[in-house]
Amino acid sequence: MTAGASAKSRVSIIIPTLCEGDNPARLARIFSETDGVELVLALAEGDCATRIPGGAHIKTVTTSKGRARQMNAGARSSSGDILLFLHADTVITPESLDNVRETLSRPGVVGGAYRLKIVSPRLSLKIVSAGANLRSRFLCMPYGDQAIFVKREVFENVGGYEDIPIMEDVRFVEALRKIGKVVLMEDYAETSPRRWEKEGVAIATARNITLIALHKLGVNPNRLAGW
C-alpha cells in the first residue's frame, strides 16, 4: 500500500465506556472536524453515568459489561479499515492518525500502539510512563491504555479480543505478534492518572507486575480477576 493509499483508510476509534461521565464528549469534540474518522462508543448495559454525545461521526452500541465484549461489539458495528481502541480517559491527537495509517502501510506490520504519557506532575507517574514505554519498545508488549490499533482484516483473522475479564489486551497483542510486527509509534496517548491516584502508585504498579507475571506462568485470567 502506498502512502497515498494509506491516507485514505478510514479509522474507527472504538471507546469502551463504563461510568465515564463527560470523557466521551471530550473525545467527540476533539474529533468533530476530522475527516475519515468515526467514533464508536461501546456502552455497557445499565450504565447511567456516561454522557452520550451527539454528532454525525459518532455511533453507539450497547452490550453486556466487559471491556473485551464491549470492544468486540464496537468493532462489529464500525466501518473503518483501521480499528483503534481508545480508553475513554485517554486522549490522542487527530494529527496522529496519519501516523497510524503510515505505520500500518509498512510491510509486515499488523498493529501498533502509542507511547504512554500519564498526565501528572508526579515523578512516580513519570517513571511509570517511562517504564511502560521501555516495556513496549523492547518487549513489544503495549497495554490497552496505549491506544492499540490494528488492520480490520487482522482483527477479524485473530478473532478479536478474547472474552475474558482481565488480560484481554495482553492476549490480543500476543496474538498479533504471532502473525506480524507490532510497532510502537512516537506519538503519545495521554491518559488520566485517576487509577493510580485512587489505588496508590506503588500498589497499582505492584499489582500490575504481579498479574502479568502470573499470566505468563499460565494462571487463568478468570482466576486472576477473582484475586
Protein backbone atom coordinates (compact mmCIF):
# COMPACT_ATOMS: atom_id res chain seq x y z
CA MET A 1 0.00 0.00 0.00
CA THR A 2 1.37 3.41 -0.90
CA ALA A 3 1.45 6.37 1.45
CA GLY A 4 -1.32 7.99 -0.60
CA ALA A 5 -3.49 4.91 -0.33
CA SER A 6 -2.93 4.62 3.41
CA ALA A 7 -4.07 8.24 3.88
CA LYS A 8 -7.49 7.24 2.56
CA SER A 9 -8.01 4.50 5.14
CA ARG A 10 -10.99 5.16 7.38
CA VAL A 11 -10.23 4.91 11.10
CA SER A 12 -12.81 3.68 13.59
CA ILE A 13 -11.96 4.75 17.14
CA ILE A 14 -13.67 2.31 19.49
CA ILE A 15 -14.21 3.55 23.04
CA PRO A 16 -15.46 1.12 25.71
CA THR A 17 -17.28 3.05 28.42
CA LEU A 18 -18.49 2.44 31.96
CA CYS A 19 -19.31 5.37 34.25
CA GLU A 20 -17.17 7.73 32.16
CA GLY A 21 -19.12 10.96 32.67
CA ASP A 22 -18.14 13.60 30.11
CA ASN A 23 -14.98 11.86 28.85
CA PRO A 24 -16.65 10.61 25.62
CA ALA A 25 -17.99 14.11 24.95
CA ARG A 26 -14.46 15.48 25.24
CA LEU A 27 -13.23 12.98 22.65
CA ALA A 28 -16.20 13.80 20.40
CA ARG A 29 -15.18 17.46 20.42
CA ILE A 30 -11.56 16.64 19.62
CA PHE A 31 -12.50 14.62 16.54
CA SER A 32 -15.60 16.56 15.45
CA GLU A 33 -13.91 18.05 12.38
CA THR A 34 -11.57 15.18 11.49
CA ASP A 35 -12.20 13.60 8.10
CA GLY A 36 -12.04 9.84 7.66
CA VAL A 37 -12.77 9.07 11.31
CA GLU A 38 -15.74 7.66 13.20
CA LEU A 39 -16.11 7.26 16.95
CA VAL A 40 -17.86 4.14 18.21
CA LEU A 41 -18.99 4.26 21.84
CA ALA A 42 -19.26 0.72 23.16
CA LEU A 43 -21.58 1.16 26.13
CA ALA A 44 -22.15 -1.28 28.97
CA GLU A 45 -25.75 -2.21 29.69
CA GLY A 46 -27.14 -0.30 32.65
CA ASP A 47 -24.51 2.45 32.53
CA CYS A 48 -26.29 5.64 33.51
CA ALA A 49 -23.14 7.58 34.36
CA THR A 50 -21.75 8.12 30.85
CA ARG A 51 -22.99 11.12 28.87
CA ILE A 52 -23.53 10.15 25.24
CA PRO A 53 -22.52 12.96 22.87
CA GLY A 54 -24.21 13.66 19.57
CA GLY A 55 -22.66 14.03 16.15
CA ALA A 56 -22.77 12.51 12.68
CA HIS A 57 -19.34 10.94 13.25
CA ILE A 58 -20.49 9.03 16.35
CA LYS A 59 -22.04 5.58 16.61
CA THR A 60 -23.18 3.83 19.76
CA VAL A 61 -23.59 0.16 20.55
CA THR A 62 -24.68 -1.39 23.86
CA THR A 63 -23.74 -4.82 25.15
CA SER A 64 -23.25 -6.57 28.46
CA LYS A 65 -20.50 -5.31 30.72
CA GLY A 66 -16.92 -6.36 29.99
CA ARG A 67 -14.19 -4.41 28.22
CA ALA A 68 -13.33 -7.19 25.74
CA ARG A 69 -17.02 -7.81 24.99
CA GLN A 70 -17.66 -4.10 24.50
CA MET A 71 -14.67 -3.59 22.23
CA ASN A 72 -15.66 -6.57 20.08
CA ALA A 73 -19.20 -5.21 19.79
CA GLY A 74 -17.82 -1.81 18.82
CA ALA A 75 -15.58 -3.36 16.18
CA ARG A 76 -18.51 -5.27 14.66
CA SER A 77 -20.58 -2.11 14.34
CA SER A 78 -17.74 0.00 12.93
CA SER A 79 -16.98 0.71 9.27
CA GLY A 80 -13.28 1.59 9.28
CA ASP A 81 -10.39 -0.16 7.57
CA ILE A 82 -8.38 0.52 10.72
CA LEU A 83 -9.59 -0.13 14.27
CA LEU A 84 -8.14 1.90 17.15
CA PHE A 85 -9.15 1.02 20.71
CA LEU A 86 -9.10 4.03 23.00
CA HIS A 87 -9.87 4.22 26.71
CA ALA A 88 -12.38 6.97 27.45
CA ASP A 89 -9.98 8.78 29.80
CA THR A 90 -7.17 8.79 27.22
CA VAL A 91 -6.56 11.42 24.54
CA ILE A 92 -4.77 11.19 21.20
CA THR A 93 -4.49 13.94 18.60
CA PRO A 94 -6.32 13.87 15.26
CA GLU A 95 -2.98 14.52 13.54
CA SER A 96 -1.53 11.29 14.94
CA LEU A 97 -3.98 9.23 12.88
CA ASP A 98 -1.95 9.91 9.74
CA ASN A 99 0.97 8.25 11.52
CA VAL A 100 -1.28 5.29 12.36
CA ARG A 101 -2.13 4.95 8.66
CA GLU A 102 1.51 5.21 7.66
CA THR A 103 2.59 2.67 10.27
CA LEU A 104 0.08 0.09 9.08
CA SER A 105 1.13 0.62 5.46
CA ARG A 106 4.61 -0.78 6.20
CA PRO A 107 5.35 -4.33 5.04
CA GLY A 108 4.78 -6.93 7.74
CA VAL A 109 3.15 -4.55 10.25
CA VAL A 110 -0.21 -5.77 11.56
CA GLY A 111 -0.74 -3.44 14.50
CA GLY A 112 0.75 -0.92 16.85
CA ALA A 113 0.29 1.37 19.82
CA TYR A 114 1.14 4.82 21.13
CA ARG A 115 3.68 5.71 23.75
CA LEU A 116 2.11 6.25 27.17
CA LYS A 117 2.03 9.59 28.95
CA ILE A 118 0.24 9.75 32.30
CA VAL A 119 -0.86 13.36 32.69
CA SER A 120 0.55 14.20 36.09
CA PRO A 121 3.46 16.23 37.50
CA ARG A 122 4.28 13.43 39.97
CA LEU A 123 7.72 11.94 39.47
CA SER A 124 6.47 8.45 40.33
CA LEU A 125 3.96 8.54 37.46
CA LYS A 126 6.58 9.87 35.05
CA ILE A 127 8.64 6.81 35.99
CA VAL A 128 5.62 4.54 35.39
CA SER A 129 5.16 6.09 31.94
CA ALA A 130 8.83 5.66 31.10
CA GLY A 131 8.76 2.03 32.24
CA ALA A 132 5.69 1.32 30.12
CA ASN A 133 7.38 2.78 27.06
CA LEU A 134 10.56 0.78 27.62
CA ARG A 135 8.48 -2.40 28.01
CA SER A 136 6.54 -1.63 24.86
CA ARG A 137 9.62 -0.87 22.78
CA PHE A 138 11.91 -3.68 23.85
CA LEU A 139 9.42 -6.42 24.76
CA CYS A 140 6.72 -5.45 22.22
CA MET A 141 4.10 -5.51 24.99
CA PRO A 142 1.89 -2.41 24.86
CA TYR A 143 -1.20 -2.39 27.07
CA GLY A 144 -4.72 -1.22 26.37
CA ASP A 145 -4.18 2.30 27.73
CA GLN A 146 -1.73 2.90 24.86
CA ALA A 147 -4.42 3.10 22.14
CA ILE A 148 -3.75 -0.21 20.37
CA PHE A 149 -4.57 -0.10 16.65
CA VAL A 150 -4.86 -2.83 14.03
CA LYS A 151 -5.98 -3.51 10.48
CA ARG A 152 -9.58 -4.67 10.37
CA GLU A 153 -8.81 -7.87 8.48
CA VAL A 154 -6.13 -8.75 11.03
CA PHE A 155 -8.53 -8.13 13.92
CA GLU A 156 -11.04 -10.46 12.30
CA ASN A 157 -8.40 -13.08 11.49
CA VAL A 158 -7.25 -13.36 15.12
CA GLY A 159 -10.86 -13.45 16.35
CA GLY A 160 -10.84 -10.09 18.10
CA TYR A 161 -10.39 -9.84 21.86
CA GLU A 162 -10.84 -12.94 23.97
CA ASP A 163 -13.96 -12.63 26.11
CA ILE A 164 -12.11 -12.71 29.41
CA PRO A 165 -12.43 -10.33 32.39
CA ILE A 166 -8.76 -9.30 32.51
CA MET A 167 -5.62 -9.51 30.34
CA GLU A 168 -7.64 -9.18 27.14
CA ASP A 169 -5.17 -6.56 25.83
CA VAL A 170 -2.14 -8.72 26.63
CA ARG A 171 -3.67 -11.76 24.93
CA PHE A 172 -4.62 -9.67 21.91
CA VAL A 173 -1.11 -8.30 21.43
CA GLU A 174 0.31 -11.81 21.84
CA ALA A 175 -1.99 -12.99 19.03
CA LEU A 176 -0.88 -10.11 16.80
CA ARG A 177 2.80 -10.82 17.36
CA LYS A 178 2.33 -14.37 16.08
CA ILE A 179 1.41 -13.11 12.62
CA GLY A 180 3.36 -9.87 12.18
CA LYS A 181 5.04 -6.82 13.65
CA VAL A 182 3.55 -4.68 16.39
CA VAL A 183 5.04 -1.17 16.27
CA LEU A 184 5.33 1.46 18.99
CA MET A 185 4.76 4.92 17.50
CA GLU A 186 6.45 8.09 18.70
CA ASP A 187 3.08 9.77 19.28
CA TYR A 188 1.73 9.84 22.83
CA ALA A 189 -1.55 8.63 24.25
CA GLU A 190 -2.16 10.95 27.20
CA THR A 191 -4.09 9.18 29.92
CA SER A 192 -5.63 10.24 33.20
CA PRO A 193 -3.76 9.43 36.43
CA ARG A 194 -7.06 8.64 38.19
CA ARG A 195 -6.50 4.89 38.52
CA TRP A 196 -3.02 5.25 40.01
CA GLU A 197 -4.12 8.11 42.28
CA LYS A 198 -7.12 6.14 43.54
CA GLU A 199 -5.21 2.94 44.30
CA GLY A 200 -1.78 4.37 45.04
CA VAL A 201 1.10 4.29 42.58
CA ALA A 202 3.09 1.62 44.40
CA ILE A 203 0.09 -0.68 44.91
CA ALA A 204 -1.21 -0.31 41.34
CA THR A 205 2.23 -0.89 39.84
CA ALA A 206 2.99 -3.90 42.04
CA ARG A 207 -0.40 -5.39 41.26
CA ASN A 208 0.08 -4.98 37.50
CA ILE A 209 3.53 -6.58 37.58
CA THR A 210 2.22 -9.47 39.69
CA LEU A 211 -0.75 -10.08 37.40
CA ILE A 212 1.43 -10.09 34.28
CA ALA A 213 3.90 -12.49 35.91
CA LEU A 214 1.10 -14.86 36.94
CA HIS A 215 -0.41 -14.65 33.46
CA LYS A 216 2.94 -15.57 31.92
CA LEU A 217 3.07 -18.54 34.28
CA GLY A 218 -0.24 -19.73 32.87
CA VAL A 219 -2.73 -18.70 35.56
CA ASN A 220 -6.25 -18.47 34.12
CA PRO A 221 -7.47 -14.86 33.61
CA ASN A 222 -10.75 -15.68 35.35
CA ARG A 223 -8.82 -16.68 38.45
CA LEU A 224 -6.66 -13.54 38.19
CA ALA A 225 -9.79 -11.39 38.03
CA GLY A 226 -11.11 -13.08 41.18
CA TRP A 227 -7.89 -12.36 43.00
